[in-house]
């Protein structure tokens, strides 16, 4: 899932709530200010928003192109 996908999921959840971010935040037990900041890119979605959306953050690592050349 791309980094922007949680924001799309959040927007869809808010739309299902009738378009009210405040109503969605209240139902999710979050402050509307926090949701507003996430929607506007001021903050990353943290564990509370991700949990409310049914998502988890996963970090992975891959070898860089230079490390693959050095291994030869």
PDB file of N, CA and C in Angstrom:
ATOM      1  N   UNK A   1       0.855  -1.171   0.000  1.00  0.00           N
ATOM      2  CA  UNK A   1       0.000   0.000   0.000  1.00  0.00           C
ATOM      3  C   UNK A   1       0.899   1.231   0.000  1.00  0.00           C
ATOM      4  N   UNK A   2       0.599   2.184  -0.831  1.00  0.00           N
ATOM      5  CA  UNK A   2       1.385   3.410  -0.921  1.00  0.00           C
ATOM      6  C   UNK A   2       1.155   4.292   0.300  1.00  0.00           C
ATOM      7  N   UNK A   3       2.103   5.173   0.549  1.00  0.00           N
ATOM      8  CA  UNK A   3       2.034   6.042   1.728  1.00  0.00           C
ATOM      9  C   UNK A   3       0.790   6.923   1.728  1.00  0.00           C
ATOM     10  N   UNK A   4       0.280   7.289   0.567  1.00  0.00           N
ATOM     11  CA  UNK A   4      -0.897   8.157   0.484  1.00  0.00           C
ATOM     12  C   UNK A   4      -2.204   7.390   0.685  1.00  0.00           C
ATOM     13  N   UNK A   5      -2.156   6.073   0.639  1.00  0.00           N
ATOM     14  CA  UNK A   5      -3.385   5.275   0.731  1.00  0.00           C
ATOM     15  C   UNK A   5      -4.154   5.487   2.035  1.00  0.00           C
ATOM     16  N   UNK A   6      -3.507   5.580   3.200  1.00  0.00           N
ATOM     17  CA  UNK A   6      -4.304   5.833   4.417  1.00  0.00           C
ATOM     18  C   UNK A   6      -5.138   7.107   4.322  1.00  0.00           C
ATOM     19  N   UNK A   7      -4.646   8.114   3.635  1.00  0.00           N
ATOM     20  CA  UNK A   7      -5.427   9.347   3.486  1.00  0.00           C
ATOM     21  C   UNK A   7      -6.654   9.108   2.620  1.00  0.00           C
ATOM     22  N   UNK A   8      -6.508   8.297   1.577  1.00  0.00           N
ATOM     23  CA  UNK A   8      -7.671   7.958   0.746  1.00  0.00           C
ATOM     24  C   UNK A   8      -8.691   7.154   1.556  1.00  0.00           C
ATOM     25  N   UNK A   9      -8.206   6.232   2.373  1.00  0.00           N
ATOM     26  CA  UNK A   9      -9.104   5.442   3.218  1.00  0.00           C
ATOM     27  C   UNK A   9      -9.807   6.358   4.218  1.00  0.00           C
ATOM     28  N   UNK A  10      -9.078   7.301   4.786  1.00  0.00           N
ATOM     29  CA  UNK A  10      -9.671   8.265   5.721  1.00  0.00           C
ATOM     30  C   UNK A  10     -10.745   9.091   5.036  1.00  0.00           C
ATOM     31  N   UNK A  11     -10.461   9.576   3.845  1.00  0.00           N
ATOM     32  CA  UNK A  11     -11.456  10.390   3.119  1.00  0.00           C
ATOM     33  C   UNK A  11     -12.720   9.579   2.830  1.00  0.00           C
ATOM     34  N   UNK A  12     -12.557   8.316   2.457  1.00  0.00           N
ATOM     35  CA  UNK A  12     -13.735   7.466   2.205  1.00  0.00           C
ATOM     36  C   UNK A  12     -14.527   7.244   3.493  1.00  0.00           C
ATOM     37  N   UNK A  13     -13.820   7.055   4.609  1.00  0.00           N
ATOM     38  CA  UNK A  13     -14.504   6.866   5.894  1.00  0.00           C
ATOM     39  C   UNK A  13     -15.288   8.116   6.271  1.00  0.00           C
ATOM     40  N   UNK A  14     -14.703   9.273   6.042  1.00  0.00           N
ATOM     41  CA  UNK A  14     -15.391  10.540   6.341  1.00  0.00           C
ATOM     42  C   UNK A  14     -16.601  10.707   5.431  1.00  0.00           C
ATOM     43  N   UNK A  15     -16.467  10.346   4.159  1.00  0.00           N
ATOM     44  CA  UNK A  15     -17.606  10.430   3.234  1.00  0.00           C
ATOM     45  C   UNK A  15     -18.753   9.537   3.711  1.00  0.00           C
ATOM     46  N   UNK A  16     -18.416   8.327   4.191  1.00  0.00           N
ATOM     47  CA  UNK A  16     -19.460   7.419   4.695  1.00  0.00           C
ATOM     48  C   UNK A  16     -20.141   7.993   5.932  1.00  0.00           C
ATOM     49  N   UNK A  17     -19.451   8.875   6.637  1.00  0.00           N
ATOM     50  CA  UNK A  17     -20.009   9.520   7.833  1.00  0.00           C
ATOM     51  C   UNK A  17     -20.834  10.736   7.442  1.00  0.00           C
ATOM     52  N   UNK A  18     -21.083  10.910   6.166  1.00  0.00           N
ATOM     53  CA  UNK A  18     -21.874  12.046   5.690  1.00  0.00           C
ATOM     54  C   UNK A  18     -21.017  13.242   5.340  1.00  0.00           C
ATOM     55  N   UNK A  19     -19.710  13.045   5.251  1.00  0.00           N
ATOM     56  CA  UNK A  19     -18.817  14.134   4.867  1.00  0.00           C
ATOM     57  C   UNK A  19     -18.319  14.974   6.021  1.00  0.00           C
ATOM     58  N   UNK A  20     -18.667  14.593   7.223  1.00  0.00           N
ATOM     59  CA  UNK A  20     -18.264  15.366   8.401  1.00  0.00           C
ATOM     60  C   UNK A  20     -17.054  14.731   9.079  1.00  0.00           C
ATOM     61  N   UNK A  21     -15.916  15.406   8.981  1.00  0.00           N
ATOM     62  CA  UNK A  21     -14.713  14.917   9.655  1.00  0.00           C
ATOM     63  C   UNK A  21     -14.891  14.970  11.170  1.00  0.00           C
ATOM     64  N   UNK A  22     -15.603  15.979  11.650  1.00  0.00           N
ATOM     65  CA  UNK A  22     -15.843  16.081  13.097  1.00  0.00           C
ATOM     66  C   UNK A  22     -16.659  14.897  13.598  1.00  0.00           C
ATOM     67  N   UNK A  23     -17.685  14.517  12.844  1.00  0.00           N
ATOM     68  CA  UNK A  23     -18.516  13.378  13.246  1.00  0.00           C
ATOM     69  C   UNK A  23     -17.703  12.094  13.210  1.00  0.00           C
ATOM     70  N   UNK A  24     -16.875  11.909  12.166  1.00  0.00           N
ATOM     71  CA  UNK A  24     -16.050  10.708  12.084  1.00  0.00           C
ATOM     72  C   UNK A  24     -15.064  10.661  13.244  1.00  0.00           C
ATOM     73  N   UNK A  25     -14.422  11.796  13.525  1.00  0.00           N
ATOM     74  CA  UNK A  25     -13.448  11.856  14.614  1.00  0.00           C
ATOM     75  C   UNK A  25     -14.109  11.510  15.951  1.00  0.00           C
ATOM     76  N   UNK A  26     -15.280  12.052  16.169  1.00  0.00           N
ATOM     77  CA  UNK A  26     -15.993  11.781  17.424  1.00  0.00           C
ATOM     78  C   UNK A  26     -16.330  10.304  17.543  1.00  0.00           C
ATOM     79  N   UNK A  27     -16.842   9.711  16.464  1.00  0.00           N
ATOM     80  CA  UNK A  27     -17.188   8.288  16.486  1.00  0.00           C
ATOM     81  C   UNK A  27     -15.958   7.425  16.714  1.00  0.00           C
ATOM     82  N   UNK A  28     -14.799   7.868  16.166  1.00  0.00           N
ATOM     83  CA  UNK A  28     -13.553   7.108  16.302  1.00  0.00           C
ATOM     84  C   UNK A  28     -12.843   7.383  17.625  1.00  0.00           C
ATOM     85  N   UNK A  29     -13.347   8.346  18.398  1.00  0.00           N
ATOM     86  CA  UNK A  29     -12.721   8.675  19.676  1.00  0.00           C
ATOM     87  C   UNK A  29     -11.466   9.516  19.519  1.00  0.00           C
ATOM     88  N   UNK A  30     -11.401  10.295  18.447  1.00  0.00           N
ATOM     89  CA  UNK A  30     -10.239  11.137  18.153  1.00  0.00           C
ATOM     90  C   UNK A  30     -10.645  12.602  18.155  1.00  0.00           C
ATOM     91  N   UNK A  31      -9.666  13.476  18.347  1.00  0.00           N
ATOM     92  CA  UNK A  31      -9.983  14.901  18.271  1.00  0.00           C
ATOM     93  C   UNK A  31     -10.105  15.308  16.811  1.00  0.00           C
ATOM     94  N   UNK A  32     -11.044  16.190  16.548  1.00  0.00           N
ATOM     95  CA  UNK A  32     -11.217  16.633  15.168  1.00  0.00           C
ATOM     96  C   UNK A  32      -9.991  17.398  14.691  1.00  0.00           C
ATOM     97  N   UNK A  33      -9.275  18.063  15.612  1.00  0.00           N
ATOM     98  CA  UNK A  33      -8.068  18.796  15.235  1.00  0.00           C
ATOM     99  C   UNK A  33      -6.993  17.855  14.692  1.00  0.00           C
ATOM    100  N   UNK A  34      -6.852  16.703  15.353  1.00  0.00           N
ATOM    101  CA  UNK A  34      -5.883  15.708  14.918  1.00  0.00           C
ATOM    102  C   UNK A  34      -6.240  15.198  13.516  1.00  0.00           C
ATOM    103  N   UNK A  35      -7.508  14.872  13.315  1.00  0.00           N
ATOM    104  CA  UNK A  35      -7.965  14.389  12.003  1.00  0.00           C
ATOM    105  C   UNK A  35      -7.751  15.476  10.953  1.00  0.00           C
ATOM    106  N   UNK A  36      -8.059  16.714  11.288  1.00  0.00           N
ATOM    107  CA  UNK A  36      -7.858  17.841  10.376  1.00  0.00           C
ATOM    108  C   UNK A  36      -6.378  17.956   9.983  1.00  0.00           C
ATOM    109  N   UNK A  37      -5.493  17.843  10.978  1.00  0.00           N
ATOM    110  CA  UNK A  37      -4.053  17.941  10.692  1.00  0.00           C
ATOM    111  C   UNK A  37      -3.584  16.812   9.782  1.00  0.00           C
ATOM    112  N   UNK A  38      -4.088  15.613   9.994  1.00  0.00           N
ATOM    113  CA  UNK A  38      -3.713  14.484   9.137  1.00  0.00           C
ATOM    114  C   UNK A  38      -4.235  14.723   7.725  1.00  0.00           C
ATOM    115  N   UNK A  39      -5.471  15.143   7.602  1.00  0.00           N
ATOM    116  CA  UNK A  39      -6.056  15.388   6.273  1.00  0.00           C
ATOM    117  C   UNK A  39      -5.301  16.459   5.509  1.00  0.00           C
ATOM    118  N   UNK A  40      -4.746  17.410   6.218  1.00  0.00           N
ATOM    119  CA  UNK A  40      -4.056  18.526   5.562  1.00  0.00           C
ATOM    120  C   UNK A  40      -2.547  18.352   5.507  1.00  0.00           C
ATOM    121  N   UNK A  41      -2.058  17.159   5.839  1.00  0.00           N
ATOM    122  CA  UNK A  41      -0.640  16.860   5.699  1.00  0.00           C
ATOM    123  C   UNK A  41       0.258  17.453   6.767  1.00  0.00           C
ATOM    124  N   UNK A  42      -0.315  17.982   7.827  1.00  0.00           N
ATOM    125  CA  UNK A  42       0.494  18.550   8.913  1.00  0.00           C
ATOM    126  C   UNK A  42       1.053  17.466   9.825  1.00  0.00           C
ATOM    127  N   UNK A  43       0.354  16.327   9.874  1.00  0.00           N
ATOM    128  CA  UNK A  43       0.788  15.198  10.713  1.00  0.00           C
ATOM    129  C   UNK A  43       0.581  13.914   9.928  1.00  0.00           C
ATOM    130  N   UNK A  44       1.392  12.932  10.233  1.00  0.00           N
ATOM    131  CA  UNK A  44       1.202  11.611   9.652  1.00  0.00           C
ATOM    132  C   UNK A  44       0.107  10.895  10.428  1.00  0.00           C
ATOM    133  N   UNK A  45      -0.615   9.995   9.767  1.00  0.00           N
ATOM    134  CA  UNK A  45      -1.610   9.230  10.521  1.00  0.00           C
ATOM    135  C   UNK A  45      -0.912   8.303  11.512  1.00  0.00           C
ATOM    136  N   UNK A  46      -1.233   8.464  12.757  1.00  0.00           N
ATOM    137  CA  UNK A  46      -0.622   7.660  13.810  1.00  0.00           C
ATOM    138  C   UNK A  46      -1.439   6.418  14.109  1.00  0.00           C
ATOM    139  N   UNK A  47      -1.020   5.685  15.122  1.00  0.00           N
ATOM    140  CA  UNK A  47      -1.687   4.420  15.451  1.00  0.00           C
ATOM    141  C   UNK A  47      -3.185   4.543  15.703  1.00  0.00           C
ATOM    142  N   UNK A  48      -3.636   5.630  16.314  1.00  0.00           N
ATOM    143  CA  UNK A  48      -5.061   5.761  16.637  1.00  0.00           C
ATOM    144  C   UNK A  48      -5.907   5.883  15.371  1.00  0.00           C
ATOM    145  N   UNK A  49      -5.482   6.700  14.441  1.00  0.00           N
ATOM    146  CA  UNK A  49      -6.232   6.834  13.185  1.00  0.00           C
ATOM    147  C   UNK A  49      -6.139   5.546  12.386  1.00  0.00           C
ATOM    148  N   UNK A  50      -4.952   4.970  12.322  1.00  0.00           N
ATOM    149  CA  UNK A  50      -4.795   3.726  11.569  1.00  0.00           C
ATOM    150  C   UNK A  50      -5.687   2.629  12.141  1.00  0.00           C
ATOM    151  N   UNK A  51      -5.748   2.530  13.466  1.00  0.00           N
ATOM    152  CA  UNK A  51      -6.604   1.535  14.110  1.00  0.00           C
ATOM    153  C   UNK A  51      -8.071   1.772  13.741  1.00  0.00           C
ATOM    154  N   UNK A  52      -8.505   3.027  13.793  1.00  0.00           N
ATOM    155  CA  UNK A  52      -9.893   3.361  13.452  1.00  0.00           C
ATOM    156  C   UNK A  52     -10.209   3.027  11.998  1.00  0.00           C
ATOM    157  N   UNK A  53      -9.182   3.053  11.142  1.00  0.00           N
ATOM    158  CA  UNK A  53      -9.373   2.746   9.730  1.00  0.00           C
ATOM    159  C   UNK A  53      -9.147   1.268   9.422  1.00  0.00           C
ATOM    160  N   UNK A  54      -8.726   0.505  10.430  1.00  0.00           N
ATOM    161  CA  UNK A  54      -8.452  -0.909  10.220  1.00  0.00           C
ATOM    162  C   UNK A  54      -7.145  -1.164   9.500  1.00  0.00           C
ATOM    163  N   UNK A  55      -6.181  -0.261   9.681  1.00  0.00           N
ATOM    164  CA  UNK A  55      -4.880  -0.375   9.024  1.00  0.00           C
ATOM    165  C   UNK A  55      -3.766  -0.494  10.057  1.00  0.00           C
ATOM    166  N   UNK A  56      -2.629  -1.020   9.633  1.00  0.00           N
ATOM    167  CA  UNK A  56      -1.416  -1.022  10.438  1.00  0.00           C
ATOM    168  C   UNK A  56      -0.283  -0.514   9.568  1.00  0.00           C
ATOM    169  N   UNK A  57       0.670   0.148  10.179  1.00  0.00           N
ATOM    170  CA  UNK A  57       1.833   0.652   9.454  1.00  0.00           C
ATOM    171  C   UNK A  57       2.885  -0.452   9.414  1.00  0.00           C
ATOM    172  N   UNK A  58       3.405  -0.696   8.222  1.00  0.00           N
ATOM    173  CA  UNK A  58       4.438  -1.712   8.028  1.00  0.00           C
ATOM    174  C   UNK A  58       5.622  -1.044   7.347  1.00  0.00           C
ATOM    175  N   UNK A  59       6.810  -1.230   7.915  1.00  0.00           N
ATOM    176  CA  UNK A  59       8.031  -0.669   7.336  1.00  0.00           C
ATOM    177  C   UNK A  59       8.864  -1.827   6.816  1.00  0.00           C
ATOM    178  N   UNK A  60       9.397  -1.661   5.620  1.00  0.00           N
ATOM    179  CA  UNK A  60      10.261  -2.717   5.081  1.00  0.00           C
ATOM    180  C   UNK A  60      11.538  -2.097   4.543  1.00  0.00           C
ATOM    181  N   UNK A  61      12.540  -2.932   4.371  1.00  0.00           N
ATOM    182  CA  UNK A  61      13.837  -2.493   3.878  1.00  0.00           C
ATOM    183  C   UNK A  61      14.241  -3.387   2.714  1.00  0.00           C
ATOM    184  N   UNK A  62      14.885  -2.780   1.741  1.00  0.00           N
ATOM    185  CA  UNK A  62      15.389  -3.508   0.581  1.00  0.00           C
ATOM    186  C   UNK A  62      16.814  -3.080   0.333  1.00  0.00           C
ATOM    187  N   UNK A  63      17.627  -3.971  -0.229  1.00  0.00           N
ATOM    188  CA  UNK A  63      18.998  -3.580  -0.546  1.00  0.00           C
ATOM    189  C   UNK A  63      19.026  -2.480  -1.607  1.00  0.00           C
ATOM    190  N   UNK A  64      19.946  -1.569  -1.462  1.00  0.00           N
ATOM    191  CA  UNK A  64      20.087  -0.524  -2.460  1.00  0.00           C
ATOM    192  C   UNK A  64      20.781  -1.098  -3.690  1.00  0.00           C
ATOM    193  N   UNK A  65      20.674  -0.395  -4.799  1.00  0.00           N
ATOM    194  CA  UNK A  65      21.309  -0.843  -6.036  1.00  0.00           C
ATOM    195  C   UNK A  65      22.830  -0.938  -5.847  1.00  0.00           C
ATOM    196  N   UNK A  66      23.412  -0.005  -5.109  1.00  0.00           N
ATOM    197  CA  UNK A  66      24.876  -0.023  -4.910  1.00  0.00           C
ATOM    198  C   UNK A  66      25.306  -1.226  -4.079  1.00  0.00           C
ATOM    199  N   UNK A  67      24.505  -1.633  -3.101  1.00  0.00           N
ATOM    200  CA  UNK A  67      24.885  -2.793  -2.288  1.00  0.00           C
ATOM    201  C   UNK A  67      24.788  -4.070  -3.096  1.00  0.00           C
ATOM    202  N   UNK A  68      23.873  -4.130  -4.050  1.00  0.00           N
ATOM    203  CA  UNK A  68      23.755  -5.314  -4.893  1.00  0.00           C
ATOM    204  C   UNK A  68      24.950  -5.430  -5.834  1.00  0.00           C
ATOM    205  N   UNK A  69      25.435  -4.295  -6.321  1.00  0.00           N
ATOM    206  CA  UNK A  69      26.632  -4.309  -7.200  1.00  0.00           C
ATOM    207  C   UNK A  69      27.849  -4.748  -6.409  1.00  0.00           C
ATOM    208  N   UNK A  70      27.981  -4.293  -5.163  1.00  0.00           N
ATOM    209  CA  UNK A  70      29.136  -4.631  -4.331  1.00  0.00           C
ATOM    210  C   UNK A  70      29.162  -6.100  -3.969  1.00  0.00           C
ATOM    211  N   UNK A  71      28.001  -6.752  -3.910  1.00  0.00           N
ATOM    212  CA  UNK A  71      27.938  -8.158  -3.525  1.00  0.00           C
ATOM    213  C   UNK A  71      28.456  -9.080  -4.614  1.00  0.00           C
ATOM    214  N   UNK A  72      28.590  -8.590  -5.822  1.00  0.00           N
ATOM    215  CA  UNK A  72      29.057  -9.427  -6.934  1.00  0.00           C
ATOM    216  C   UNK A  72      30.492  -9.680  -6.874  1.00  0.00           C
TER     217      UNK A  72
END
